[in-house]
């Protein structure tokens, strides 16, 4: 099992700190550093900046939003980042959610699975430097009855195939990730519930005539190290409440639905009610400790060391940590400690 580092969103006043974390992860031999985007900073610019100031660590988008770019533009960005970084780019894609897709990007959220399938087809074709023609439900290239021309990507990526990941939560999207992607970007990944999720991924792999060999299972896991386990859970509560309660509408929230499938239906409803009523503190308090404990690494090093075996045994291949410590020094200490703890387990790849 390898280690990754998720920097989250840029522009929250901690940019220099995040760069320091990325450089330390690079020095320590972490496998990859990821950057996210929603409706603030874009991931591509952040990754270019990080790649220019690191040496060997991969840089990955977690994720580029599918409604935010045409597939050809994503291929251009991926090829450019891969070339500039010397073959260190990983392309993570996600459909976002209906609120951001329709409210920010002006793209209808209908049929996200079919849109993703077509999008990945075009990105792959463009990166393979094939002449770009496509006829789908959502994308037609070139546009018919116009001056459009079937073109070929002029940039030569550093590698023949850039690794492509999908962020997926629901069963059908998980199956699609297994079928068409090289890896899965997971959130709220609990080893105790992983078998059900990975069964959907494996079904998709089987559709493509493949098994799980070489498929990268990448959960992002909040990490807080300390002696008091309950106190370590506290910084994670607001993050969990945001996703379970506020990422989407009452009718369509993928993370809330995941919490329900994991057995937290009553608590998920309560968190959502409180969050949508703008009682954010109450929503955070309502997140069950057990849910945080199952989906995070919290507590003293020995407890985390034991928990890492559960992640590896469940099928995780790259454990991406999200550091929820206080100041920069504490965050750097966490990045270093996780490298040592994983090494102590003998699980590091």
Protein backbone atom coordinates (compact mmCIF):
# COMPACT_ATOMS: atom_id res chain seq x y z
CA UNK A 1 0.00 0.00 0.00
CA UNK A 2 1.35 3.39 -1.03
CA UNK A 3 0.76 6.80 0.54
CA UNK A 4 -0.77 9.86 -1.06
CA UNK A 5 -1.51 13.36 0.20
CA UNK A 6 -4.69 15.31 -0.53
CA UNK A 7 -4.24 19.08 -0.39
CA UNK A 8 -7.94 19.79 -0.84
CA UNK A 9 -8.95 23.18 -2.20
CA UNK A 10 -6.46 25.97 -2.76
CA UNK A 11 -6.91 29.61 -1.82
CA UNK A 12 -7.99 29.26 1.82
CA UNK A 13 -5.00 31.24 3.07
CA UNK A 14 -2.82 28.14 3.51
CA UNK A 15 -1.20 28.00 0.07
CA UNK A 16 2.39 28.22 1.29
CA UNK A 17 1.63 25.58 3.94
CA UNK A 18 0.20 23.23 1.32
CA UNK A 19 3.26 23.62 -0.86
CA UNK A 20 5.47 22.81 2.15
CA UNK A 21 3.39 19.68 2.79
CA UNK A 22 3.68 18.60 -0.85
CA UNK A 23 7.46 19.08 -0.83
CA UNK A 24 7.80 17.13 2.40
CA UNK A 25 5.66 14.31 1.00
CA UNK A 26 7.92 14.32 -2.06
CA UNK A 27 11.03 14.09 0.12
CA UNK A 28 9.54 11.24 2.15
CA UNK A 29 8.66 9.14 -0.90
CA UNK A 30 4.89 9.58 -0.99
CA UNK A 31 3.43 8.29 -4.23
CA UNK A 32 1.12 11.14 -5.22
CA UNK A 33 -0.25 14.52 -4.15
CA UNK A 34 -3.79 15.45 -5.17
CA UNK A 35 -5.56 18.81 -5.60
CA UNK A 36 -9.30 19.42 -5.73
CA UNK A 37 -11.60 21.97 -7.32
CA UNK A 38 -15.21 23.03 -6.84
CA UNK A 39 -16.09 26.66 -7.65
CA UNK A 40 -12.93 28.38 -6.43
CA UNK A 41 -9.38 27.47 -7.33
CA UNK A 42 -8.89 25.17 -10.30
CA UNK A 43 -6.85 22.02 -9.85
CA UNK A 44 -4.79 22.29 -13.06
CA UNK A 45 -3.04 25.53 -12.09
CA UNK A 46 -2.32 24.23 -8.58
CA UNK A 47 -0.86 20.98 -9.92
CA UNK A 48 1.40 22.80 -12.36
CA UNK A 49 2.69 24.95 -9.50
CA UNK A 50 3.28 21.94 -7.25
CA UNK A 51 4.88 19.87 -10.02
CA UNK A 52 7.35 22.69 -10.75
CA UNK A 53 8.52 22.66 -7.13
CA UNK A 54 8.74 18.91 -6.50
CA UNK A 55 10.96 16.24 -7.98
CA UNK A 56 9.49 12.75 -8.05
CA UNK A 57 6.02 12.69 -6.51
CA UNK A 58 3.08 12.30 -8.91
CA UNK A 59 0.52 15.09 -9.10
CA UNK A 60 -3.14 14.22 -9.55
CA UNK A 61 -6.49 15.92 -10.01
CA UNK A 62 -9.05 14.83 -7.44
CA UNK A 63 -10.91 15.86 -9.40
CA UNK A 64 -11.22 17.77 -12.65
CA UNK A 65 -14.95 18.46 -12.97
CA UNK A 66 -16.42 16.89 -16.09
CA UNK A 67 -18.99 19.69 -16.61
CA UNK A 68 -16.26 22.33 -16.28
CA UNK A 69 -14.22 21.40 -19.36
CA UNK A 70 -14.80 19.89 -22.75
CA UNK A 71 -13.18 16.46 -23.02
CA UNK A 72 -10.73 17.77 -25.62
CA UNK A 73 -9.68 20.57 -23.26
CA UNK A 74 -9.15 18.04 -20.47
CA UNK A 75 -6.95 15.99 -22.83
CA UNK A 76 -4.92 19.10 -23.66
CA UNK A 77 -4.47 19.91 -19.96
CA UNK A 78 -3.56 16.33 -19.08
CA UNK A 79 -1.02 16.09 -21.89
CA UNK A 80 0.53 19.43 -20.93
CA UNK A 81 0.77 18.58 -17.23
CA UNK A 82 2.21 15.17 -17.99
CA UNK A 83 4.83 16.66 -20.29
CA UNK A 84 5.82 19.52 -17.97
CA UNK A 85 6.05 17.19 -14.95
CA UNK A 86 8.11 14.57 -16.74
CA UNK A 87 5.38 11.93 -16.71
CA UNK A 88 4.04 12.50 -13.20
CA UNK A 89 0.42 13.43 -13.85
CA UNK A 90 -2.65 11.37 -12.87
CA UNK A 91 -6.01 12.38 -14.30
CA UNK A 92 -8.87 12.15 -11.82
CA UNK A 93 -12.35 12.97 -13.12
CA UNK A 94 -15.74 13.42 -11.50
CA UNK A 95 -19.21 14.55 -12.51
CA UNK A 96 -19.48 16.98 -9.55
CA UNK A 97 -23.08 17.43 -8.38
CA UNK A 98 -26.24 18.95 -9.82
CA UNK A 99 -25.92 22.20 -7.87
CA UNK A 100 -22.40 22.95 -9.14
CA UNK A 101 -22.87 21.44 -12.59
CA UNK A 102 -26.04 23.38 -13.36
CA UNK A 103 -25.55 26.40 -11.11
CA UNK A 104 -21.88 27.14 -11.77
CA UNK A 105 -21.03 25.52 -15.10
CA UNK A 106 -24.46 25.73 -16.75
CA UNK A 107 -24.36 22.06 -17.76
CA UNK A 108 -27.37 19.82 -17.22
CA UNK A 109 -26.71 16.97 -14.81
CA UNK A 110 -28.87 14.47 -16.70
CA UNK A 111 -27.48 10.98 -17.36
CA UNK A 112 -24.12 11.48 -15.60
CA UNK A 113 -23.02 7.89 -16.27
CA UNK A 114 -23.45 8.13 -20.03
CA UNK A 115 -21.84 11.57 -20.09
CA UNK A 116 -18.85 10.20 -18.15
CA UNK A 117 -18.48 7.23 -20.47
CA UNK A 118 -18.45 9.42 -23.57
CA UNK A 119 -16.16 11.95 -21.91
CA UNK A 120 -13.58 9.30 -21.02
CA UNK A 121 -13.79 7.82 -24.53
CA UNK A 122 -12.94 11.19 -26.08
CA UNK A 123 -10.17 11.98 -23.57
CA UNK A 124 -8.54 8.60 -24.20
CA UNK A 125 -8.82 9.02 -27.94
CA UNK A 126 -7.34 12.50 -27.89
CA UNK A 127 -4.46 11.47 -25.61
CA UNK A 128 -3.71 8.56 -27.95
CA UNK A 129 -3.29 11.24 -30.63
CA UNK A 130 -5.96 9.74 -32.84
CA UNK A 131 -7.85 12.00 -35.21
CA UNK A 132 -10.71 13.21 -33.05
CA UNK A 133 -14.08 12.08 -34.32
CA UNK A 134 -16.94 10.97 -32.10
CA UNK A 135 -20.66 10.37 -32.29
CA UNK A 136 -22.43 10.07 -28.96
CA UNK A 137 -25.52 11.19 -27.12
CA UNK A 138 -23.76 14.16 -25.51
CA UNK A 139 -20.73 14.77 -27.72
CA UNK A 140 -20.40 14.89 -31.50
CA UNK A 141 -17.03 15.76 -33.01
CA UNK A 142 -16.70 17.52 -35.35
CA UNK A 143 -20.08 19.20 -35.22
CA UNK A 144 -22.09 18.21 -38.29
CA UNK A 145 -22.88 20.57 -41.18
CA UNK A 146 -20.27 23.13 -40.17
CA UNK A 147 -16.63 24.11 -40.70
CA UNK A 148 -15.32 21.89 -37.91
CA UNK A 149 -12.34 19.67 -38.71
CA UNK A 150 -11.24 16.40 -37.11
CA UNK A 151 -7.96 17.32 -35.43
CA UNK A 152 -5.12 15.51 -33.70
CA UNK A 153 -3.50 16.55 -30.40
CA UNK A 154 -0.21 18.28 -31.20
CA UNK A 155 1.37 17.66 -27.78
CA UNK A 156 3.13 14.35 -27.20
CA UNK A 157 2.46 13.27 -23.57
CA UNK A 158 5.47 11.95 -21.68
CA UNK A 159 3.79 8.54 -21.40
CA UNK A 160 1.84 6.39 -23.77
CA UNK A 161 -1.04 6.14 -21.28
CA UNK A 162 -1.82 8.65 -18.54
CA UNK A 163 -3.49 6.94 -15.54
CA UNK A 164 -7.17 7.87 -15.38
CA UNK A 165 -9.24 7.73 -12.18
CA UNK A 166 -12.93 8.24 -11.50
CA UNK A 167 -14.40 9.63 -8.29
CA UNK A 168 -17.41 7.42 -7.63
CA UNK A 169 -19.88 6.88 -4.80
CA UNK A 170 -22.99 5.10 -6.08
CA UNK A 171 -23.05 1.45 -7.20
CA UNK A 172 -23.50 2.17 -10.93
CA UNK A 173 -20.76 4.79 -10.95
CA UNK A 174 -18.46 2.38 -9.10
CA UNK A 175 -19.14 -0.24 -11.74
CA UNK A 176 -18.36 2.30 -14.46
CA UNK A 177 -15.08 3.20 -12.73
CA UNK A 178 -14.08 -0.45 -12.75
CA UNK A 179 -14.98 -0.79 -16.40
CA UNK A 180 -13.34 2.29 -17.94
CA UNK A 181 -10.80 3.69 -15.45
CA UNK A 182 -7.41 2.75 -14.04
CA UNK A 183 -8.37 3.61 -10.48
CA UNK A 184 -11.09 4.74 -8.09
CA UNK A 185 -10.98 7.89 -5.94
CA UNK A 186 -13.01 7.01 -2.83
CA UNK A 187 -14.46 9.13 -0.05
CA UNK A 188 -15.80 7.94 3.32
CA UNK A 189 -14.10 4.59 2.72
CA UNK A 190 -14.62 2.22 5.65
CA UNK A 191 -12.75 -1.09 5.48
CA UNK A 192 -15.76 -2.78 7.11
CA UNK A 193 -17.97 -1.68 4.19
CA UNK A 194 -15.42 -1.89 1.39
CA UNK A 195 -16.42 -5.36 0.15
CA UNK A 196 -19.82 -4.09 -1.00
CA UNK A 197 -18.30 -1.11 -2.81
CA UNK A 198 -15.49 -3.10 -4.40
CA UNK A 199 -17.94 -5.74 -5.60
CA UNK A 200 -19.42 -3.07 -7.88
CA UNK A 201 -15.95 -2.08 -9.07
CA UNK A 202 -15.08 -5.72 -9.73
CA UNK A 203 -18.29 -6.16 -11.73
CA UNK A 204 -17.17 -3.32 -13.98
CA UNK A 205 -13.73 -4.85 -14.35
CA UNK A 206 -15.32 -8.14 -15.36
CA UNK A 207 -17.36 -6.33 -18.02
CA UNK A 208 -14.08 -5.14 -19.51
CA UNK A 209 -12.60 -8.64 -19.29
CA UNK A 210 -10.29 -7.70 -16.42
CA UNK A 211 -9.80 -8.52 -12.76
CA UNK A 212 -8.68 -6.14 -9.99
CA UNK A 213 -4.99 -6.62 -10.80
CA UNK A 214 -3.35 -3.23 -11.34
CA UNK A 215 -6.49 -1.28 -10.45
CA UNK A 216 -5.67 1.51 -7.97
CA UNK A 217 -8.12 1.83 -5.06
CA UNK A 218 -7.48 5.28 -3.57
CA UNK A 219 -9.46 6.28 -0.48
CA UNK A 220 -8.92 9.77 0.91
CA UNK A 221 -8.77 9.38 4.69
CA UNK A 222 -8.74 12.21 7.26
CA UNK A 223 -5.85 11.83 9.74
CA UNK A 224 -5.56 13.29 13.25
CA UNK A 225 -2.89 11.85 15.56
CA UNK A 226 -3.23 12.22 19.34
CA UNK A 227 -3.85 10.37 22.58
CA UNK A 228 -7.52 11.35 22.99
CA UNK A 229 -9.48 9.57 20.26
CA UNK A 230 -12.69 11.53 20.81
CA UNK A 231 -10.76 14.81 20.62
CA UNK A 232 -9.07 13.66 17.42
CA UNK A 233 -12.50 13.09 15.86
CA UNK A 234 -13.57 16.69 16.52
CA UNK A 235 -11.70 18.38 13.62
CA UNK A 236 -13.20 15.88 11.16
CA UNK A 237 -16.82 16.51 12.16
CA UNK A 238 -17.36 19.70 10.14
CA UNK A 239 -15.99 18.03 6.99
CA UNK A 240 -18.24 14.98 7.41
CA UNK A 241 -21.28 17.16 8.11
CA UNK A 242 -20.62 19.29 5.03
CA UNK A 243 -20.68 16.28 2.73
CA UNK A 244 -23.43 14.26 4.41
CA UNK A 245 -25.64 17.28 5.02
CA UNK A 246 -24.77 19.96 2.52
CA UNK A 247 -23.20 18.52 -0.63
CA UNK A 248 -26.32 18.40 -2.74
CA UNK A 249 -30.01 18.83 -2.18
CA UNK A 250 -32.32 16.93 0.14
CA UNK A 251 -33.41 14.88 -2.87
CA UNK A 252 -29.95 14.21 -4.33
CA UNK A 253 -26.91 13.90 -2.08
CA UNK A 254 -24.60 11.02 -3.01
CA UNK A 255 -22.66 11.18 0.27
CA UNK A 256 -25.78 11.11 2.35
CA UNK A 257 -26.96 8.09 0.37
CA UNK A 258 -23.61 6.39 1.03
CA UNK A 259 -23.95 6.99 4.78
CA UNK A 260 -27.43 5.44 4.61
CA UNK A 261 -26.08 2.38 2.77
CA UNK A 262 -23.43 2.07 5.49
CA UNK A 263 -26.17 1.79 8.10
CA UNK A 264 -26.36 5.38 9.36
CA UNK A 265 -29.76 6.23 7.90
CA UNK A 266 -31.20 7.93 11.00
CA UNK A 267 -28.04 9.94 11.70
CA UNK A 268 -27.65 10.89 8.02
CA UNK A 269 -31.17 12.30 8.02
CA UNK A 270 -30.54 14.25 11.20
CA UNK A 271 -27.24 15.68 9.93
CA UNK A 272 -28.90 16.75 6.70
CA UNK A 273 -31.85 18.35 8.48
CA UNK A 274 -29.57 20.37 10.73
CA UNK A 275 -27.20 21.35 7.95
CA UNK A 276 -29.95 22.51 5.60
CA UNK A 277 -31.39 24.51 8.51
CA UNK A 278 -27.93 26.16 8.73
CA UNK A 279 -27.23 24.72 12.14
CA UNK A 280 -23.74 23.72 11.07
CA UNK A 281 -22.42 23.17 14.59
CA UNK A 282 -25.40 20.96 15.40
CA UNK A 283 -24.89 18.99 12.18
CA UNK A 284 -21.24 18.38 13.04
CA UNK A 285 -22.18 17.19 16.52
CA UNK A 286 -24.78 14.83 15.03
CA UNK A 287 -22.24 12.92 12.95
CA UNK A 288 -21.79 9.59 14.77
CA UNK A 289 -18.36 9.02 16.27
CA UNK A 290 -18.41 5.50 14.84
CA UNK A 291 -18.82 6.86 11.31
CA UNK A 292 -15.81 9.14 11.74
CA UNK A 293 -13.76 6.38 13.35
CA UNK A 294 -14.52 3.95 10.53
CA UNK A 295 -13.69 6.42 7.75
CA UNK A 296 -10.71 8.23 9.32
CA UNK A 297 -7.40 7.48 11.01
CA UNK A 298 -7.61 9.01 14.47
CA UNK A 299 -5.86 8.44 17.78
CA UNK A 300 -2.37 7.40 18.89
CA UNK A 301 0.15 5.90 16.43
CA UNK A 302 -0.37 2.31 17.64
CA UNK A 303 -4.10 2.55 16.99
CA UNK A 304 -3.51 3.99 13.50
CA UNK A 305 -0.88 1.34 12.78
CA UNK A 306 -3.39 -1.40 13.52
CA UNK A 307 -6.04 0.33 11.44
CA UNK A 308 -3.73 0.49 8.41
CA UNK A 309 -3.82 -3.30 8.21
CA UNK A 310 -7.60 -3.13 7.88
CA UNK A 311 -7.31 -0.70 4.96
CA UNK A 312 -4.74 -2.86 3.19
CA UNK A 313 -6.71 -6.05 3.82
CA UNK A 314 -9.87 -4.41 2.44
CA UNK A 315 -8.22 -3.69 -0.92
CA UNK A 316 -6.90 -0.12 -0.64
CA UNK A 317 -3.74 0.25 -2.71
CA UNK A 318 -2.97 3.98 -2.33
CA UNK A 319 -4.01 5.49 0.99
CA UNK A 320 -4.37 9.23 0.50
CA UNK A 321 -4.28 11.18 3.73
CA UNK A 322 -6.00 14.50 4.41
CA UNK A 323 -4.30 16.16 7.36
CA UNK A 324 -6.61 17.73 9.94
CA UNK A 325 -3.98 19.03 12.34
CA UNK A 326 -3.61 22.62 13.53
CA UNK A 327 -0.60 24.67 12.42
CA UNK A 328 1.94 23.89 9.70
CA UNK A 329 4.36 22.19 12.07
CA UNK A 330 1.66 19.82 13.32
CA UNK A 331 0.62 19.05 9.76
CA UNK A 332 4.22 18.36 8.72
CA UNK A 333 4.62 16.14 11.78
CA UNK A 334 1.52 14.19 10.71
CA UNK A 335 2.86 13.68 7.17
CA UNK A 336 6.15 12.41 8.62
CA UNK A 337 4.48 10.25 11.25
CA UNK A 338 2.25 8.54 8.68
CA UNK A 339 5.29 7.60 6.63
CA UNK A 340 6.92 6.05 9.70
CA UNK A 341 3.75 4.29 10.83
CA UNK A 342 3.21 2.72 7.41
CA UNK A 343 6.85 1.63 7.28
CA UNK A 344 6.44 -0.02 10.70
CA UNK A 345 3.54 -2.09 9.40
CA UNK A 346 5.59 -3.55 6.55
CA UNK A 347 2.70 -2.76 4.20
CA UNK A 348 4.42 -0.01 2.22
CA UNK A 349 4.92 -0.74 -1.46
